[in-house]
Amino acid sequence: MTMSSGNVFGPVPEPLTEEHTEMLAGAGSVRIERIVSRGHASPSGFWYDQDHEEWVMILGGAARLMFEGAEEPVDLVPGDWLDIPAHKRHRVEWTDPDRETVWLAVHYQRGERANGEAMQ
């Protein structure tokens, strides 16, 4: 097996006209991504409605997420993380337009062990 490495704060394509997503690692239903935003937000009326869970953490920058049915958005700064259940509709309301917002995202299926076996 080949080892891979990188830097989560490494360069991103310029100009950053679209949010940049890069898969860092994954196996089975687990996918680990670096996402870089700079002023990006979900299109008006768009909601993420994913078939899998998503754990996200802000490593740099700032973001604001809105969850369907919530009265207030959730503001995130470096060190903040959320574990978003499958089918919890949400959208990115705002990311800092003046600096890169670096996200670490882990997509997974709840109840599955890392080796793919079902948890009891």
PDB file of N, CA and C in Angstrom:
ATOM      1  N   MET A   1       0.838  -1.173   0.000  1.00  0.00           N
ATOM      2  CA  MET A   1       0.000   0.000   0.000  1.00  0.00           C
ATOM      3  C   MET A   1       0.886   1.240   0.000  1.00  0.00           C
ATOM      4  N   THR A   2       0.513   2.211  -0.798  1.00  0.00           N
ATOM      5  CA  THR A   2       1.260   3.451  -0.902  1.00  0.00           C
ATOM      6  C   THR A   2       0.770   4.450   0.140  1.00  0.00           C
ATOM      7  N   MET A   3       1.696   5.073   0.821  1.00  0.00           N
ATOM      8  CA  MET A   3       1.350   6.119   1.780  1.00  0.00           C
ATOM      9  C   MET A   3       1.182   7.432   1.036  1.00  0.00           C
ATOM     10  N   SER A   4       0.217   8.230   1.451  1.00  0.00           N
ATOM     11  CA  SER A   4       0.052   9.553   0.859  1.00  0.00           C
ATOM     12  C   SER A   4       0.120  10.598   1.958  1.00  0.00           C
ATOM     13  N   SER A   5       0.441  11.821   1.576  1.00  0.00           N
ATOM     14  CA  SER A   5       0.530  12.906   2.551  1.00  0.00           C
ATOM     15  C   SER A   5       0.236  14.221   1.858  1.00  0.00           C
ATOM     16  N   GLY A   6       0.072  15.251   2.641  1.00  0.00           N
ATOM     17  CA  GLY A   6      -0.201  16.576   2.106  1.00  0.00           C
ATOM     18  C   GLY A   6      -0.302  17.560   3.238  1.00  0.00           C
ATOM     19  N   ASN A   7      -0.797  18.740   2.927  1.00  0.00           N
ATOM     20  CA  ASN A   7      -0.981  19.776   3.926  1.00  0.00           C
ATOM     21  C   ASN A   7      -2.373  20.359   3.744  1.00  0.00           C
ATOM     22  N   VAL A   8      -3.191  20.252   4.774  1.00  0.00           N
ATOM     23  CA  VAL A   8      -4.578  20.712   4.688  1.00  0.00           C
ATOM     24  C   VAL A   8      -4.651  22.220   4.418  1.00  0.00           C
ATOM     25  N   PHE A   9      -3.583  22.949   4.712  1.00  0.00           N
ATOM     26  CA  PHE A   9      -3.538  24.384   4.442  1.00  0.00           C
ATOM     27  C   PHE A   9      -2.772  24.708   3.163  1.00  0.00           C
ATOM     28  N   GLY A  10      -2.488  23.694   2.354  1.00  0.00           N
ATOM     29  CA  GLY A  10      -1.755  23.877   1.108  1.00  0.00           C
ATOM     30  C   GLY A  10      -2.519  24.734   0.108  1.00  0.00           C
ATOM     31  N   PRO A  11      -1.873  25.046  -1.009  1.00  0.00           N
ATOM     32  CA  PRO A  11      -2.468  25.958  -1.985  1.00  0.00           C
ATOM     33  C   PRO A  11      -3.741  25.391  -2.620  1.00  0.00           C
ATOM     34  N   VAL A  12      -4.586  26.311  -3.077  1.00  0.00           N
ATOM     35  CA  VAL A  12      -5.800  25.975  -3.808  1.00  0.00           C
ATOM     36  C   VAL A  12      -5.763  26.709  -5.141  1.00  0.00           C
ATOM     37  N   PRO A  13      -6.527  26.249  -6.106  1.00  0.00           N
ATOM     38  CA  PRO A  13      -6.532  26.922  -7.411  1.00  0.00           C
ATOM     39  C   PRO A  13      -6.951  28.388  -7.286  1.00  0.00           C
ATOM     40  N   GLU A  14      -6.291  29.232  -8.034  1.00  0.00           N
ATOM     41  CA  GLU A  14      -6.652  30.660  -8.088  1.00  0.00           C
ATOM     42  C   GLU A  14      -7.032  30.989  -9.522  1.00  0.00           C
ATOM     43  N   PRO A  15      -8.030  31.810  -9.753  1.00  0.00           N
ATOM     44  CA  PRO A  15      -8.897  32.374  -8.728  1.00  0.00           C
ATOM     45  C   PRO A  15      -9.836  31.299  -8.187  1.00  0.00           C
ATOM     46  N   LEU A  16     -10.273  31.464  -6.960  1.00  0.00           N
ATOM     47  CA  LEU A  16     -11.156  30.508  -6.301  1.00  0.00           C
ATOM     48  C   LEU A  16     -12.602  30.903  -6.626  1.00  0.00           C
ATOM     49  N   THR A  17     -12.995  30.671  -7.886  1.00  0.00           N
ATOM     50  CA  THR A  17     -14.320  31.082  -8.345  1.00  0.00           C
ATOM     51  C   THR A  17     -15.416  30.161  -7.822  1.00  0.00           C
ATOM     52  N   GLU A  18     -15.068  28.903  -7.539  1.00  0.00           N
ATOM     53  CA  GLU A  18     -16.004  27.948  -6.959  1.00  0.00           C
ATOM     54  C   GLU A  18     -15.362  27.352  -5.719  1.00  0.00           C
ATOM     55  N   GLU A  19     -16.182  26.872  -4.826  1.00  0.00           N
ATOM     56  CA  GLU A  19     -15.665  26.200  -3.647  1.00  0.00           C
ATOM     57  C   GLU A  19     -14.795  25.024  -4.100  1.00  0.00           C
ATOM     58  N   HIS A  20     -13.657  24.840  -3.453  1.00  0.00           N
ATOM     59  CA  HIS A  20     -12.700  23.792  -3.828  1.00  0.00           C
ATOM     60  C   HIS A  20     -12.867  22.597  -2.871  1.00  0.00           C
ATOM     61  N   THR A  21     -13.131  21.418  -3.440  1.00  0.00           N
ATOM     62  CA  THR A  21     -13.265  20.194  -2.647  1.00  0.00           C
ATOM     63  C   THR A  21     -12.232  19.197  -3.122  1.00  0.00           C
ATOM     64  N   GLU A  22     -11.524  18.610  -2.158  1.00  0.00           N
ATOM     65  CA  GLU A  22     -10.450  17.667  -2.460  1.00  0.00           C
ATOM     66  C   GLU A  22     -10.562  16.465  -1.520  1.00  0.00           C
ATOM     67  N   MET A  23     -10.649  15.270  -2.087  1.00  0.00           N
ATOM     68  CA  MET A  23     -10.701  14.065  -1.264  1.00  0.00           C
ATOM     69  C   MET A  23      -9.296  13.757  -0.746  1.00  0.00           C
ATOM     70  N   LEU A  24      -9.165  13.635   0.585  1.00  0.00           N
ATOM     71  CA  LEU A  24      -7.871  13.358   1.200  1.00  0.00           C
ATOM     72  C   LEU A  24      -7.671  11.857   1.426  1.00  0.00           C
ATOM     73  N   ALA A  25      -8.741  11.165   1.787  1.00  0.00           N
ATOM     74  CA  ALA A  25      -8.670   9.722   2.047  1.00  0.00           C
ATOM     75  C   ALA A  25     -10.080   9.170   2.082  1.00  0.00           C
ATOM     76  N   GLY A  26     -10.179   7.865   1.973  1.00  0.00           N
ATOM     77  CA  GLY A  26     -11.486   7.239   2.080  1.00  0.00           C
ATOM     78  C   GLY A  26     -11.404   5.754   1.820  1.00  0.00           C
ATOM     79  N   ALA A  27     -12.410   5.050   2.327  1.00  0.00           N
ATOM     80  CA  ALA A  27     -12.558   3.613   2.105  1.00  0.00           C
ATOM     81  C   ALA A  27     -13.990   3.249   2.465  1.00  0.00           C
ATOM     82  N   GLY A  28     -14.572   2.355   1.699  1.00  0.00           N
ATOM     83  CA  GLY A  28     -15.953   1.970   1.968  1.00  0.00           C
ATOM     84  C   GLY A  28     -16.845   3.195   1.913  1.00  0.00           C
ATOM     85  N   SER A  29     -17.649   3.380   2.950  1.00  0.00           N
ATOM     86  CA  SER A  29     -18.570   4.517   2.972  1.00  0.00           C
ATOM     87  C   SER A  29     -17.954   5.761   3.617  1.00  0.00           C
ATOM     88  N   VAL A  30     -16.666   5.703   3.982  1.00  0.00           N
ATOM     89  CA  VAL A  30     -16.019   6.845   4.627  1.00  0.00           C
ATOM     90  C   VAL A  30     -15.220   7.647   3.596  1.00  0.00           C
ATOM     91  N   ARG A  31     -15.442   8.968   3.602  1.00  0.00           N
ATOM     92  CA  ARG A  31     -14.713   9.857   2.697  1.00  0.00           C
ATOM     93  C   ARG A  31     -14.292  11.075   3.515  1.00  0.00           C
ATOM     94  N   ILE A  32     -13.009  11.421   3.485  1.00  0.00           N
ATOM     95  CA  ILE A  32     -12.482  12.574   4.205  1.00  0.00           C
ATOM     96  C   ILE A  32     -12.070  13.617   3.170  1.00  0.00           C
ATOM     97  N   GLU A  33     -12.607  14.824   3.322  1.00  0.00           N
ATOM     98  CA  GLU A  33     -12.374  15.874   2.340  1.00  0.00           C
ATOM     99  C   GLU A  33     -11.875  17.161   2.986  1.00  0.00           C
ATOM    100  N   ARG A  34     -11.103  17.884   2.210  1.00  0.00           N
ATOM    101  CA  ARG A  34     -10.769  19.274   2.534  1.00  0.00           C
ATOM    102  C   ARG A  34     -11.627  20.123   1.610  1.00  0.00           C
ATOM    103  N   ILE A  35     -12.312  21.081   2.193  1.00  0.00           N
ATOM    104  CA  ILE A  35     -13.134  22.009   1.418  1.00  0.00           C
ATOM    105  C   ILE A  35     -12.615  23.408   1.719  1.00  0.00           C
ATOM    106  N   VAL A  36     -12.424  24.206   0.670  1.00  0.00           N
ATOM    107  CA  VAL A  36     -11.956  25.579   0.846  1.00  0.00           C
ATOM    108  C   VAL A  36     -12.964  26.519   0.195  1.00  0.00           C
ATOM    109  N   SER A  37     -13.430  27.475   0.986  1.00  0.00           N
ATOM    110  CA  SER A  37     -14.412  28.464   0.534  1.00  0.00           C
ATOM    111  C   SER A  37     -13.828  29.859   0.753  1.00  0.00           C
ATOM    112  N   ARG A  38     -14.260  30.786  -0.057  1.00  0.00           N
ATOM    113  CA  ARG A  38     -13.921  32.205   0.154  1.00  0.00           C
ATOM    114  C   ARG A  38     -15.105  33.024  -0.349  1.00  0.00           C
ATOM    115  N   GLY A  39     -16.036  33.295   0.564  1.00  0.00           N
ATOM    116  CA  GLY A  39     -17.229  34.037   0.188  1.00  0.00           C
ATOM    117  C   GLY A  39     -18.282  33.183  -0.493  1.00  0.00           C
ATOM    118  N   HIS A  40     -18.107  31.881  -0.518  1.00  0.00           N
ATOM    119  CA  HIS A  40     -19.071  31.005  -1.172  1.00  0.00           C
ATOM    120  C   HIS A  40     -20.235  30.685  -0.254  1.00  0.00           C
ATOM    121  N   ALA A  41     -21.403  30.456  -0.843  1.00  0.00           N
ATOM    122  CA  ALA A  41     -22.606  30.091  -0.110  1.00  0.00           C
ATOM    123  C   ALA A  41     -23.461  29.220  -1.029  1.00  0.00           C
ATOM    124  N   SER A  42     -24.407  28.523  -0.442  1.00  0.00           N
ATOM    125  CA  SER A  42     -25.332  27.716  -1.235  1.00  0.00           C
ATOM    126  C   SER A  42     -26.210  28.638  -2.078  1.00  0.00           C
ATOM    127  N   PRO A  43     -26.580  28.189  -3.280  1.00  0.00           N
ATOM    128  CA  PRO A  43     -27.485  29.004  -4.094  1.00  0.00           C
ATOM    129  C   PRO A  43     -28.825  29.218  -3.381  1.00  0.00           C
ATOM    130  N   SER A  44     -29.475  30.310  -3.681  1.00  0.00           N
ATOM    131  CA  SER A  44     -30.766  30.623  -3.086  1.00  0.00           C
ATOM    132  C   SER A  44     -31.742  29.461  -3.286  1.00  0.00           C
ATOM    133  N   GLY A  45     -32.372  29.028  -2.200  1.00  0.00           N
ATOM    134  CA  GLY A  45     -33.358  27.941  -2.276  1.00  0.00           C
ATOM    135  C   GLY A  45     -32.775  26.541  -2.262  1.00  0.00           C
ATOM    136  N   PHE A  46     -31.447  26.412  -2.310  1.00  0.00           N
ATOM    137  CA  PHE A  46     -30.811  25.091  -2.335  1.00  0.00           C
ATOM    138  C   PHE A  46     -30.599  24.575  -0.919  1.00  0.00           C
ATOM    139  N   TRP A  47     -30.892  23.288  -0.709  1.00  0.00           N
ATOM    140  CA  TRP A  47     -30.653  22.616   0.577  1.00  0.00           C
ATOM    141  C   TRP A  47     -29.910  21.327   0.325  1.00  0.00           C
ATOM    142  N   TYR A  48     -28.864  21.069   1.102  1.00  0.00           N
ATOM    143  CA  TYR A  48     -28.228  19.755   1.095  1.00  0.00           C
ATOM    144  C   TYR A  48     -29.173  18.794   1.800  1.00  0.00           C
ATOM    145  N   ASP A  49     -29.382  17.619   1.211  1.00  0.00           N
ATOM    146  CA  ASP A  49     -30.197  16.554   1.800  1.00  0.00           C
ATOM    147  C   ASP A  49     -29.472  15.254   1.466  1.00  0.00           C
ATOM    148  N   GLN A  50     -28.508  14.903   2.302  1.00  0.00           N
ATOM    149  CA  GLN A  50     -27.569  13.826   2.001  1.00  0.00           C
ATOM    150  C   GLN A  50     -28.034  12.491   2.584  1.00  0.00           C
ATOM    151  N   ASP A  51     -27.703  11.413   1.882  1.00  0.00           N
ATOM    152  CA  ASP A  51     -28.038  10.052   2.321  1.00  0.00           C
ATOM    153  C   ASP A  51     -27.095   9.537   3.397  1.00  0.00           C
ATOM    154  N   HIS A  52     -26.098  10.321   3.764  1.00  0.00           N
ATOM    155  CA  HIS A  52     -25.080   9.899   4.723  1.00  0.00           C
ATOM    156  C   HIS A  52     -24.854  11.009   5.755  1.00  0.00           C
ATOM    157  N   GLU A  53     -24.217  10.639   6.858  1.00  0.00           N
ATOM    158  CA  GLU A  53     -23.843  11.612   7.871  1.00  0.00           C
ATOM    159  C   GLU A  53     -22.631  12.402   7.385  1.00  0.00           C
ATOM    160  N   GLU A  54     -22.485  13.605   7.931  1.00  0.00           N
ATOM    161  CA  GLU A  54     -21.314  14.415   7.608  1.00  0.00           C
ATOM    162  C   GLU A  54     -20.839  15.127   8.873  1.00  0.00           C
ATOM    163  N   TRP A  55     -19.588  14.875   9.234  1.00  0.00           N
ATOM    164  CA  TRP A  55     -18.941  15.556  10.353  1.00  0.00           C
ATOM    165  C   TRP A  55     -18.069  16.627   9.729  1.00  0.00           C
ATOM    166  N   VAL A  56     -18.262  17.888  10.144  1.00  0.00           N
ATOM    167  CA  VAL A  56     -17.462  18.988   9.593  1.00  0.00           C
ATOM    168  C   VAL A  56     -16.814  19.774  10.722  1.00  0.00           C
ATOM    169  N   MET A  57     -15.615  20.272  10.439  1.00  0.00           N
ATOM    170  CA  MET A  57     -14.885  21.116  11.384  1.00  0.00           C
ATOM    171  C   MET A  57     -14.272  22.278  10.611  1.00  0.00           C
ATOM    172  N   ILE A  58     -14.316  23.458  11.199  1.00  0.00           N
ATOM    173  CA  ILE A  58     -13.674  24.627  10.598  1.00  0.00           C
ATOM    174  C   ILE A  58     -12.247  24.701  11.135  1.00  0.00           C
ATOM    175  N   LEU A  59     -11.277  24.669  10.226  1.00  0.00           N
ATOM    176  CA  LEU A  59      -9.871  24.766  10.602  1.00  0.00           C
ATOM    177  C   LEU A  59      -9.354  26.194  10.491  1.00  0.00           C
ATOM    178  N   GLY A  60      -9.958  26.974   9.618  1.00  0.00           N
ATOM    179  CA  GLY A  60      -9.565  28.367   9.434  1.00  0.00           C
ATOM    180  C   GLY A  60     -10.701  29.119   8.772  1.00  0.00           C
ATOM    181  N   GLY A  61     -10.789  30.419   9.010  1.00  0.00           N
ATOM    182  CA  GLY A  61     -11.860  31.218   8.429  1.00  0.00           C
ATOM    183  C   GLY A  61     -13.110  31.178   9.292  1.00  0.00           C
ATOM    184  N   ALA A  62     -14.262  31.353   8.662  1.00  0.00           N
ATOM    185  CA  ALA A  62     -15.532  31.357   9.378  1.00  0.00           C
ATOM    186  C   ALA A  62     -16.650  31.017   8.405  1.00  0.00           C
ATOM    187  N   ALA A  63     -17.727  30.429   8.948  1.00  0.00           N
ATOM    188  CA  ALA A  63     -18.864  30.036   8.121  1.00  0.00           C
ATOM    189  C   ALA A  63     -20.150  30.144   8.924  1.00  0.00           C
ATOM    190  N   ARG A  64     -21.250  30.160   8.204  1.00  0.00           N
ATOM    191  CA  ARG A  64     -22.573  30.168   8.828  1.00  0.00           C
ATOM    192  C   ARG A  64     -23.438  29.142   8.096  1.00  0.00           C
ATOM    193  N   LEU A  65     -23.987  28.193   8.861  1.00  0.00           N
ATOM    194  CA  LEU A  65     -24.873  27.178   8.304  1.00  0.00           C
ATOM    195  C   LEU A  65     -26.296  27.415   8.806  1.00  0.00           C
ATOM    196  N   MET A  66     -27.262  27.100   7.956  1.00  0.00           N
ATOM    197  CA  MET A  66     -28.667  27.179   8.348  1.00  0.00           C
ATOM    198  C   MET A  66     -29.265  25.792   8.176  1.00  0.00           C
ATOM    199  N   PHE A  67     -30.045  25.379   9.161  1.00  0.00           N
ATOM    200  CA  PHE A  67     -30.713  24.083   9.123  1.00  0.00           C
ATOM    201  C   PHE A  67     -32.208  24.309   8.949  1.00  0.00           C
ATOM    202  N   GLU A  68     -32.816  23.530   8.077  1.00  0.00           N
ATOM    203  CA  GLU A  68     -34.247  23.672   7.814  1.00  0.00           C
ATOM    204  C   GLU A  68     -35.027  23.563   9.126  1.00  0.00           C
ATOM    205  N   GLY A  69     -35.920  24.507   9.354  1.00  0.00           N
ATOM    206  CA  GLY A  69     -36.744  24.510  10.550  1.00  0.00           C
ATOM    207  C   GLY A  69     -36.124  25.220  11.738  1.00  0.00           C
ATOM    208  N   ALA A  70     -34.847  25.560  11.658  1.00  0.00           N
ATOM    209  CA  ALA A  70     -34.185  26.269  12.759  1.00  0.00           C
ATOM    210  C   ALA A  70     -34.520  27.757  12.680  1.00  0.00           C
ATOM    211  N   GLU A  71     -34.575  28.383  13.831  1.00  0.00           N
ATOM    212  CA  GLU A  71     -34.858  29.813  13.864  1.00  0.00           C
ATOM    213  C   GLU A  71     -33.613  30.650  13.618  1.00  0.00           C
ATOM    214  N   GLU A  72     -32.460  30.136  14.046  1.00  0.00           N
ATOM    215  CA  GLU A  72     -31.212  30.888  13.929  1.00  0.00           C
ATOM    216  C   GLU A  72     -30.154  30.049  13.223  1.00  0.00           C
ATOM    217  N   PRO A  73     -29.268  30.676  12.448  1.00  0.00           N
ATOM    218  CA  PRO A  73     -28.163  29.934  11.836  1.00  0.00           C
ATOM    219  C   PRO A  73     -27.117  29.554  12.879  1.00  0.00           C
ATOM    220  N   VAL A  74     -26.213  28.673  12.486  1.00  0.00           N
ATOM    221  CA  VAL A  74     -25.104  28.242  13.338  1.00  0.00           C
ATOM    222  C   VAL A  74     -23.831  28.872  12.791  1.00  0.00           C
ATOM    223  N   ASP A  75     -23.178  29.708  13.601  1.00  0.00           N
ATOM    224  CA  ASP A  75     -21.910  30.325  13.214  1.00  0.00           C
ATOM    225  C   ASP A  75     -20.765  29.412  13.641  1.00  0.00           C
ATOM    226  N   LEU A  76     -19.797  29.231  12.759  1.00  0.00           N
ATOM    227  CA  LEU A  76     -18.655  28.362  13.015  1.00  0.00           C
ATOM    228  C   LEU A  76     -17.352  29.131  12.841  1.00  0.00           C
ATOM    229  N   VAL A  77     -16.435  28.947  13.780  1.00  0.00           N
ATOM    230  CA  VAL A  77     -15.093  29.526  13.728  1.00  0.00           C
ATOM    231  C   VAL A  77     -14.096  28.389  13.948  1.00  0.00           C
ATOM    232  N   PRO A  78     -12.794  28.638  13.757  1.00  0.00           N
ATOM    233  CA  PRO A  78     -11.825  27.564  13.899  1.00  0.00           C
ATOM    234  C   PRO A  78     -11.977  26.781  15.203  1.00  0.00           C
ATOM    235  N   GLY A  79     -12.001  25.468  15.044  1.00  0.00           N
ATOM    236  CA  GLY A  79     -12.163  24.554  16.162  1.00  0.00           C
ATOM    237  C   GLY A  79     -13.586  24.061  16.332  1.00  0.00           C
ATOM    238  N   ASP A  80     -14.578  24.785  15.781  1.00  0.00           N
ATOM    239  CA  ASP A  80     -15.973  24.351  15.893  1.00  0.00           C
ATOM    240  C   ASP A  80     -16.239  23.202  14.937  1.00  0.00           C
ATOM    241  N   TRP A  81     -17.044  22.234  15.409  1.00  0.00           N
ATOM    242  CA  TRP A  81     -17.419  21.116  14.557  1.00  0.00           C
ATOM    243  C   TRP A  81     -18.877  20.769  14.773  1.00  0.00           C
ATOM    244  N   LEU A  82     -19.458  20.118  13.758  1.00  0.00           N
ATOM    245  CA  LEU A  82     -20.835  19.642  13.785  1.00  0.00           C
ATOM    246  C   LEU A  82     -20.875  18.237  13.222  1.00  0.00           C
ATOM    247  N   ASP A  83     -21.740  17.401  13.784  1.00  0.00           N
ATOM    248  CA  ASP A  83     -22.008  16.064  13.242  1.00  0.00           C
ATOM    249  C   ASP A  83     -23.435  16.111  12.708  1.00  0.00           C
ATOM    250  N   ILE A  84     -23.571  16.186  11.402  1.00  0.00           N
ATOM    251  CA  ILE A  84     -24.859  16.409  10.758  1.00  0.00           C
ATOM    252  C   ILE A  84     -25.466  15.068  10.353  1.00  0.00           C
ATOM    253  N   PRO A  85     -26.636  14.724  10.897  1.00  0.00           N
ATOM    254  CA  PRO A  85     -27.269  13.450  10.551  1.00  0.00           C
ATOM    255  C   PRO A  85     -27.690  13.403   9.077  1.00  0.00           C
ATOM    256  N   ALA A  86     -27.801  12.197   8.560  1.00  0.00           N
ATOM    257  CA  ALA A  86     -28.312  12.013   7.200  1.00  0.00           C
ATOM    258  C   ALA A  86     -29.694  12.656   7.089  1.00  0.00           C
ATOM    259  N   HIS A  87     -29.963  13.265   5.963  1.00  0.00           N
ATOM    260  CA  HIS A  87     -31.239  13.896   5.630  1.00  0.00           C
ATOM    261  C   HIS A  87     -31.603  15.089   6.509  1.00  0.00           C
ATOM    262  N   LYS A  88     -30.637  15.621   7.258  1.00  0.00           N
ATOM    263  CA  LYS A  88     -30.854  16.877   7.989  1.00  0.00           C
ATOM    264  C   LYS A  88     -30.577  17.997   6.994  1.00  0.00           C
ATOM    265  N   ARG A  89     -31.638  18.568   6.452  1.00  0.00           N
ATOM    266  CA  ARG A  89     -31.479  19.569   5.394  1.00  0.00           C
ATOM    267  C   ARG A  89     -30.781  20.816   5.930  1.00  0.00           C
ATOM    268  N   HIS A  90     -29.748  21.239   5.183  1.00  0.00           N
ATOM    269  CA  HIS A  90     -28.948  22.382   5.611  1.00  0.00           C
ATOM    270  C   HIS A  90     -28.370  23.094   4.398  1.00  0.00           C
ATOM    271  N   ARG A  91     -27.900  24.287   4.630  1.00  0.00           N
ATOM    272  CA  ARG A  91     -27.291  25.079   3.563  1.00  0.00           C
ATOM    273  C   ARG A  91     -26.188  25.949   4.146  1.00  0.00           C
ATOM    274  N   VAL A  92     -25.244  26.328   3.309  1.00  0.00           N
ATOM    275  CA  VAL A  92     -24.188  27.255   3.709  1.00  0.00           C
ATOM    276  C   VAL A  92     -24.719  28.654   3.413  1.00  0.00           C
ATOM    277  N   GLU A  93     -24.960  29.416   4.474  1.00  0.00           N
ATOM    278  CA  GLU A  93     -25.488  30.773   4.327  1.00  0.00           C
ATOM    279  C   GLU A  93     -24.398  31.768   3.969  1.00  0.00           C
ATOM    280  N   TRP A  94     -23.166  31.520   4.488  1.00  0.00           N
ATOM    281  CA  TRP A  94     -22.111  32.524   4.339  1.00  0.00           C
ATOM    282  C   TRP A  94     -20.777  31.890   4.673  1.00  0.00           C
ATOM    283  N   THR A  95     -19.730  32.282   3.966  1.00  0.00           N
ATOM    284  CA  THR A  95     -18.344  32.030   4.371  1.00  0.00           C
ATOM    285  C   THR A  95     -17.589  33.345   4.225  1.00  0.00           C
ATOM    286  N   ASP A  96     -16.551  33.501   5.009  1.00  0.00           N
ATOM    287  CA  ASP A  96     -15.782  34.742   5.050  1.00  0.00           C
ATOM    288  C   ASP A  96     -15.291  35.115   3.650  1.00  0.00           C
ATOM    289  N   PRO A  97     -15.649  36.287   3.141  1.00  0.00           N
ATOM    290  CA  PRO A  97     -15.216  36.676   1.797  1.00  0.00           C
ATOM    291  C   PRO A  97     -13.783  37.193   1.746  1.00  0.00           C
ATOM    292  N   ASP A  98     -13.194  37.493   2.908  1.00  0.00           N
ATOM    293  CA  ASP A  98     -11.871  38.115   2.945  1.00  0.00           C
ATOM    294  C   ASP A  98     -10.725  37.146   3.179  1.00  0.00           C
ATOM    295  N   ARG A  99     -11.053  35.897   3.525  1.00  0.00           N
ATOM    296  CA  ARG A  99     -10.003  34.893   3.736  1.00  0.00           C
ATOM    297  C   ARG A  99     -10.586  33.516   3.469  1.00  0.00           C
ATOM    298  N   GLU A 100      -9.697  32.577   3.285  1.00  0.00           N
ATOM    299  CA  GLU A 100     -10.135  31.208   3.010  1.00  0.00           C
ATOM    300  C   GLU A 100     -10.729  30.568   4.249  1.00  0.00           C
ATOM    301  N   THR A 101     -11.865  29.924   4.079  1.00  0.00           N
ATOM    302  CA  THR A 101     -12.443  29.090   5.122  1.00  0.00           C
ATOM    303  C   THR A 101     -12.079  27.660   4.763  1.00  0.00           C
ATOM    304  N   VAL A 102     -11.337  27.000   5.652  1.00  0.00           N
ATOM    305  CA  VAL A 102     -10.886  25.628   5.408  1.00  0.00           C
ATOM    306  C   VAL A 102     -11.718  24.703   6.291  1.00  0.00           C
ATOM    307  N   TRP A 103     -12.411  23.779   5.641  1.00  0.00           N
ATOM    308  CA  TRP A 103     -13.251  22.793   6.308  1.00  0.00           C
ATOM    309  C   TRP A 103     -12.574  21.432   6.235  1.00  0.00           C
ATOM    310  N   LEU A 104     -12.749  20.620   7.255  1.00  0.00           N
ATOM    311  CA  LEU A 104     -12.430  19.203   7.197  1.00  0.00           C
ATOM    312  C   LEU A 104     -13.771  18.493   7.293  1.00  0.00           C
ATOM    313  N   ALA A 105     -14.106  17.696   6.290  1.00  0.00           N
ATOM    314  CA  ALA A 105     -15.398  17.017   6.243  1.00  0.00           C
ATOM    315  C   ALA A 105     -15.180  15.510   6.196  1.00  0.00           C
ATOM    316  N   VAL A 106     -15.911  14.792   7.027  1.00  0.00           N
ATOM    317  CA  VAL A 106     -15.879  13.336   7.039  1.00  0.00           C
ATOM    318  C   VAL A 106     -17.290  12.860   6.738  1.00  0.00           C
ATOM    319  N   HIS A 107     -17.453  12.177   5.608  1.00  0.00           N
ATOM    320  CA  HIS A 107     -18.739  11.600   5.204  1.00  0.00           C
ATOM    321  C   HIS A 107     -18.716  10.127   5.597  1.00  0.00           C
ATOM    322  N   TYR A 108     -19.790   9.654   6.234  1.00  0.00           N
ATOM    323  CA  TYR A 108     -19.815   8.259   6.697  1.00  0.00           C
ATOM    324  C   TYR A 108     -21.245   7.776   6.867  1.00  0.00           C
ATOM    325  N   GLN A 109     -21.395   6.468   7.059  1.00  0.00           N
ATOM    326  CA  GLN A 109     -22.689   5.855   7.361  1.00  0.00           C
ATOM    327  C   GLN A 109     -22.710   5.508   8.835  1.00  0.00           C
ATOM    328  N   ARG A 110     -23.664   6.033   9.563  1.00  0.00           N
ATOM    329  CA  ARG A 110     -23.784   5.745  10.997  1.00  0.00           C
ATOM    330  C   ARG A 110     -24.024   4.253  11.196  1.00  0.00           C
ATOM    331  N   GLY A 111     -23.395   3.707  12.240  1.00  0.00           N
ATOM    332  CA  GLY A 111     -23.611   2.308  12.570  1.00  0.00           C
ATOM    333  C   GLY A 111     -22.715   1.355  11.808  1.00  0.00           C
ATOM    334  N   GLU A 112     -21.716   1.865  11.099  1.00  0.00           N
ATOM    335  CA  GLU A 112     -20.796   0.989  10.367  1.00  0.00           C
ATOM    336  C   GLU A 112     -19.397   1.166  10.931  1.00  0.00           C
ATOM    337  N   ARG A 113     -18.755   0.066  11.216  1.00  0.00           N
ATOM    338  CA  ARG A 113     -17.379   0.124  11.710  1.00  0.00           C
ATOM    339  C   ARG A 113     -16.440   0.480  10.561  1.00  0.00           C
ATOM    340  N   ALA A 114     -15.237   0.882  10.905  1.00  0.00           N
ATOM    341  CA  ALA A 114     -14.261   1.278   9.897  1.00  0.00           C
ATOM    342  C   ALA A 114     -13.954   0.140   8.930  1.00  0.00           C
ATOM    343  N   ASN A 115     -14.075  -1.123   9.368  1.00  0.00           N
ATOM    344  CA  ASN A 115     -13.770  -2.252   8.484  1.00  0.00           C
ATOM    345  C   ASN A 115     -14.977  -2.676   7.655  1.00  0.00           C
ATOM    346  N   GLY A 116     -16.085  -1.920   7.744  1.00  0.00           N
ATOM    347  CA  GLY A 116     -17.246  -2.200   6.920  1.00  0.00           C
ATOM    348  C   GLY A 116     -18.277  -3.094   7.575  1.00  0.00           C
ATOM    349  N   GLU A 117     -17.983  -3.640   8.767  1.00  0.00           N
ATOM    350  CA  GLU A 117     -18.938  -4.500   9.451  1.00  0.00           C
ATOM    351  C   GLU A 117     -19.982  -3.639  10.145  1.00  0.00           C
ATOM    352  N   ALA A 118     -21.196  -4.160  10.228  1.00  0.00           N
ATOM    353  CA  ALA A 118     -22.264  -3.462  10.935  1.00  0.00           C
ATOM    354  C   ALA A 118     -22.002  -3.481  12.424  1.00  0.00           C
ATOM    355  N   MET A 119     -22.305  -2.363  13.096  1.00  0.00           N
ATOM    356  CA  MET A 119     -22.163  -2.308  14.557  1.00  0.00           C
ATOM    357  C   MET A 119     -23.415  -2.904  15.189  1.00  0.00           C
ATOM    358  N   GLN A 120     -23.255  -3.524  16.323  1.00  0.00           N
ATOM    359  CA  GLN A 120     -24.385  -4.122  17.052  1.00  0.00           C
ATOM    360  C   GLN A 120     -25.084  -3.102  17.891  1.00  0.00           C
TER     361      GLN A 120
END
